């Protein structure tokens, strides 16, 4: 196979694999956990856990608001959401490993929020923030 045909085949294969998958333009926040903790402590920010219900029930941060990524992807009522999560606050999204937090932050940004995805997963955050009882 010539190199030109190989490149074309590679483009077709990669395109078919990624077609329909959301491209993530967002990056994890550069805010350190100390800054996150300070912002939450000063009521400037909310930690939003975007894991699914079963994961949430297995353990979560005491201060976190639960908003599963699947619910965000289906669509949420913006007015209802704003009653729980004011647009004036930073929303630090987190999940188990960081990928879903990126997607959730993008959706929240599209809704007019300051979404900042955390790279740290739940296990890392539990070293800094208290767990729920």
C-alpha atoms as a PDB file:
ATOM      1  CA  UNK A   1       0.000   0.000   0.000  1.00  0.00           C
ATOM      2  CA  UNK A   2       1.400   3.394  -0.943  1.00  0.00           C
ATOM      3  CA  UNK A   3       1.852   5.991   1.781  1.00  0.00           C
ATOM      4  CA  UNK A   4      -0.869   8.210   0.260  1.00  0.00           C
ATOM      5  CA  UNK A   5      -3.440   5.416   0.420  1.00  0.00           C
ATOM      6  CA  UNK A   6      -2.366   4.584   3.979  1.00  0.00           C
ATOM      7  CA  UNK A   7      -2.855   8.176   5.124  1.00  0.00           C
ATOM      8  CA  UNK A   8      -6.284   8.307   3.475  1.00  0.00           C
ATOM      9  CA  UNK A   9      -7.263   5.013   5.124  1.00  0.00           C
ATOM     10  CA  UNK A  10      -6.033   6.302   8.481  1.00  0.00           C
ATOM     11  CA  UNK A  11      -8.094   9.491   8.118  1.00  0.00           C
ATOM     12  CA  UNK A  12     -11.209   7.455   7.254  1.00  0.00           C
ATOM     13  CA  UNK A  13     -10.721   5.068  10.191  1.00  0.00           C
ATOM     14  CA  UNK A  14     -10.019   7.819  12.733  1.00  0.00           C
ATOM     15  CA  UNK A  15     -12.930   9.864  11.395  1.00  0.00           C
ATOM     16  CA  UNK A  16     -15.320   6.941  11.698  1.00  0.00           C
ATOM     17  CA  UNK A  17     -14.178   6.207  15.237  1.00  0.00           C
ATOM     18  CA  UNK A  18     -14.550   9.795  16.426  1.00  0.00           C
ATOM     19  CA  UNK A  19     -17.653  10.712  14.423  1.00  0.00           C
ATOM     20  CA  UNK A  20     -20.453  11.561  16.789  1.00  0.00           C
ATOM     21  CA  UNK A  21     -18.155  11.907  19.777  1.00  0.00           C
ATOM     22  CA  UNK A  22     -17.983  15.377  21.238  1.00  0.00           C
ATOM     23  CA  UNK A  23     -14.674  17.072  20.667  1.00  0.00           C
ATOM     24  CA  UNK A  24     -13.430  18.592  23.888  1.00  0.00           C
ATOM     25  CA  UNK A  25     -12.054  22.069  23.409  1.00  0.00           C
ATOM     26  CA  UNK A  26     -12.004  22.685  27.153  1.00  0.00           C
ATOM     27  CA  UNK A  27      -8.952  22.176  29.277  1.00  0.00           C
ATOM     28  CA  UNK A  28      -8.728  21.348  32.939  1.00  0.00           C
ATOM     29  CA  UNK A  29      -8.560  24.423  35.148  1.00  0.00           C
ATOM     30  CA  UNK A  30      -5.198  25.774  36.180  1.00  0.00           C
ATOM     31  CA  UNK A  31      -6.672  26.649  39.613  1.00  0.00           C
ATOM     32  CA  UNK A  32      -4.820  24.738  42.310  1.00  0.00           C
ATOM     33  CA  UNK A  33      -6.762  22.769  44.893  1.00  0.00           C
ATOM     34  CA  UNK A  34      -5.823  25.455  47.421  1.00  0.00           C
ATOM     35  CA  UNK A  35      -7.494  28.085  45.209  1.00  0.00           C
ATOM     36  CA  UNK A  36     -10.509  25.814  44.668  1.00  0.00           C
ATOM     37  CA  UNK A  37     -10.839  25.263  48.416  1.00  0.00           C
ATOM     38  CA  UNK A  38     -10.528  29.007  49.107  1.00  0.00           C
ATOM     39  CA  UNK A  39     -13.133  29.885  46.457  1.00  0.00           C
ATOM     40  CA  UNK A  40     -15.560  27.302  47.822  1.00  0.00           C
ATOM     41  CA  UNK A  41     -14.883  28.442  51.399  1.00  0.00           C
ATOM     42  CA  UNK A  42     -15.562  32.077  50.433  1.00  0.00           C
ATOM     43  CA  UNK A  43     -18.813  31.056  48.699  1.00  0.00           C
ATOM     44  CA  UNK A  44     -17.420  32.143  45.324  1.00  0.00           C
ATOM     45  CA  UNK A  45     -17.625  28.645  43.869  1.00  0.00           C
ATOM     46  CA  UNK A  46     -19.465  25.335  43.953  1.00  0.00           C
ATOM     47  CA  UNK A  47     -18.040  21.877  43.349  1.00  0.00           C
ATOM     48  CA  UNK A  48     -20.284  20.006  40.936  1.00  0.00           C
ATOM     49  CA  UNK A  49     -19.999  16.211  40.937  1.00  0.00           C
ATOM     50  CA  UNK A  50     -20.954  15.019  37.450  1.00  0.00           C
ATOM     51  CA  UNK A  51     -20.688  11.287  38.172  1.00  0.00           C
ATOM     52  CA  UNK A  52     -23.748   9.112  37.902  1.00  0.00           C
ATOM     53  CA  UNK A  53     -26.097   8.372  40.818  1.00  0.00           C
ATOM     54  CA  UNK A  54     -24.544   5.009  41.707  1.00  0.00           C
ATOM     55  CA  UNK A  55     -21.064   6.568  41.889  1.00  0.00           C
ATOM     56  CA  UNK A  56     -22.417   9.457  43.982  1.00  0.00           C
ATOM     57  CA  UNK A  57     -24.030   7.025  46.419  1.00  0.00           C
ATOM     58  CA  UNK A  58     -20.738   5.161  46.818  1.00  0.00           C
ATOM     59  CA  UNK A  59     -19.220   8.332  48.276  1.00  0.00           C
ATOM     60  CA  UNK A  60     -18.936  12.013  47.530  1.00  0.00           C
ATOM     61  CA  UNK A  61     -17.680  15.312  48.840  1.00  0.00           C
ATOM     62  CA  UNK A  62     -19.767  16.870  51.583  1.00  0.00           C
ATOM     63  CA  UNK A  63     -19.832  20.231  49.785  1.00  0.00           C
ATOM     64  CA  UNK A  64     -20.567  18.912  46.294  1.00  0.00           C
ATOM     65  CA  UNK A  65     -23.709  19.463  44.264  1.00  0.00           C
ATOM     66  CA  UNK A  66     -24.756  16.380  42.285  1.00  0.00           C
ATOM     67  CA  UNK A  67     -25.492  16.957  38.603  1.00  0.00           C
ATOM     68  CA  UNK A  68     -24.816  13.839  36.505  1.00  0.00           C
ATOM     69  CA  UNK A  69     -23.302  14.415  33.081  1.00  0.00           C
ATOM     70  CA  UNK A  70     -26.060  12.264  31.559  1.00  0.00           C
ATOM     71  CA  UNK A  71     -28.668  14.715  32.881  1.00  0.00           C
ATOM     72  CA  UNK A  72     -26.737  17.670  31.479  1.00  0.00           C
ATOM     73  CA  UNK A  73     -26.435  15.964  28.100  1.00  0.00           C
ATOM     74  CA  UNK A  74     -30.186  15.302  27.966  1.00  0.00           C
ATOM     75  CA  UNK A  75     -30.835  18.951  28.703  1.00  0.00           C
ATOM     76  CA  UNK A  76     -31.725  20.740  31.885  1.00  0.00           C
ATOM     77  CA  UNK A  77     -34.138  23.569  32.501  1.00  0.00           C
ATOM     78  CA  UNK A  78     -31.825  26.599  32.730  1.00  0.00           C
ATOM     79  CA  UNK A  79     -34.080  28.482  35.181  1.00  0.00           C
ATOM     80  CA  UNK A  80     -34.367  25.486  37.486  1.00  0.00           C
ATOM     81  CA  UNK A  81     -30.621  24.927  37.319  1.00  0.00           C
ATOM     82  CA  UNK A  82     -29.882  28.562  38.107  1.00  0.00           C
ATOM     83  CA  UNK A  83     -32.030  28.385  41.242  1.00  0.00           C
ATOM     84  CA  UNK A  84     -29.584  25.760  42.573  1.00  0.00           C
ATOM     85  CA  UNK A  85     -26.418  27.004  40.885  1.00  0.00           C
ATOM     86  CA  UNK A  86     -26.213  30.790  40.515  1.00  0.00           C
ATOM     87  CA  UNK A  87     -24.367  31.992  37.436  1.00  0.00           C
ATOM     88  CA  UNK A  88     -22.391  34.366  39.638  1.00  0.00           C
ATOM     89  CA  UNK A  89     -20.402  31.426  41.041  1.00  0.00           C
ATOM     90  CA  UNK A  90     -17.560  29.401  39.577  1.00  0.00           C
ATOM     91  CA  UNK A  91     -18.619  25.807  38.949  1.00  0.00           C
ATOM     92  CA  UNK A  92     -15.764  23.370  39.454  1.00  0.00           C
ATOM     93  CA  UNK A  93     -16.836  20.145  37.782  1.00  0.00           C
ATOM     94  CA  UNK A  94     -15.361  16.834  38.831  1.00  0.00           C
ATOM     95  CA  UNK A  95     -15.775  13.146  38.148  1.00  0.00           C
ATOM     96  CA  UNK A  96     -13.790   9.998  38.819  1.00  0.00           C
ATOM     97  CA  UNK A  97     -10.915  10.683  36.444  1.00  0.00           C
ATOM     98  CA  UNK A  98     -11.393  14.028  34.686  1.00  0.00           C
ATOM     99  CA  UNK A  99     -12.907  13.295  31.264  1.00  0.00           C
ATOM    100  CA  UNK A 100     -16.564  13.814  32.157  1.00  0.00           C
ATOM    101  CA  UNK A 101     -15.683  16.987  34.045  1.00  0.00           C
ATOM    102  CA  UNK A 102     -14.431  18.479  30.760  1.00  0.00           C
ATOM    103  CA  UNK A 103     -17.647  17.661  28.929  1.00  0.00           C
ATOM    104  CA  UNK A 104     -19.841  18.931  31.768  1.00  0.00           C
ATOM    105  CA  UNK A 105     -17.916  22.203  31.990  1.00  0.00           C
ATOM    106  CA  UNK A 106     -18.430  22.769  28.260  1.00  0.00           C
ATOM    107  CA  UNK A 107     -22.184  22.263  28.590  1.00  0.00           C
ATOM    108  CA  UNK A 108     -22.329  24.564  31.606  1.00  0.00           C
ATOM    109  CA  UNK A 109     -20.322  27.198  29.742  1.00  0.00           C
ATOM    110  CA  UNK A 110     -22.826  27.005  26.889  1.00  0.00           C
ATOM    111  CA  UNK A 111     -25.512  27.759  29.505  1.00  0.00           C
ATOM    112  CA  UNK A 112     -23.622  30.882  30.612  1.00  0.00           C
ATOM    113  CA  UNK A 113     -21.684  29.530  33.609  1.00  0.00           C
ATOM    114  CA  UNK A 114     -18.014  29.821  34.510  1.00  0.00           C
ATOM    115  CA  UNK A 115     -17.356  26.084  34.299  1.00  0.00           C
ATOM    116  CA  UNK A 116     -13.893  24.981  35.357  1.00  0.00           C
ATOM    117  CA  UNK A 117     -13.199  21.253  35.052  1.00  0.00           C
ATOM    118  CA  UNK A 118     -10.945  19.713  37.667  1.00  0.00           C
ATOM    119  CA  UNK A 119      -8.316  17.250  36.576  1.00  0.00           C
ATOM    120  CA  UNK A 120      -8.318  15.682  40.034  1.00  0.00           C
ATOM    121  CA  UNK A 121     -10.769  12.857  40.484  1.00  0.00           C
ATOM    122  CA  UNK A 122     -12.938  12.075  43.455  1.00  0.00           C
ATOM    123  CA  UNK A 123     -10.241  10.119  45.317  1.00  0.00           C
ATOM    124  CA  UNK A 124      -7.810  13.042  45.078  1.00  0.00           C
ATOM    125  CA  UNK A 125     -10.446  15.575  46.091  1.00  0.00           C
ATOM    126  CA  UNK A 126     -11.361  13.556  49.176  1.00  0.00           C
ATOM    127  CA  UNK A 127      -7.819  14.238  50.438  1.00  0.00           C
ATOM    128  CA  UNK A 128      -8.594  17.986  50.407  1.00  0.00           C
ATOM    129  CA  UNK A 129     -12.347  18.187  51.023  1.00  0.00           C
ATOM    130  CA  UNK A 130     -14.421  16.348  53.632  1.00  0.00           C
ATOM    131  CA  UNK A 131     -16.535  13.394  52.592  1.00  0.00           C
ATOM    132  CA  UNK A 132     -20.260  13.338  53.145  1.00  0.00           C
ATOM    133  CA  UNK A 133     -21.409  11.318  56.132  1.00  0.00           C
END
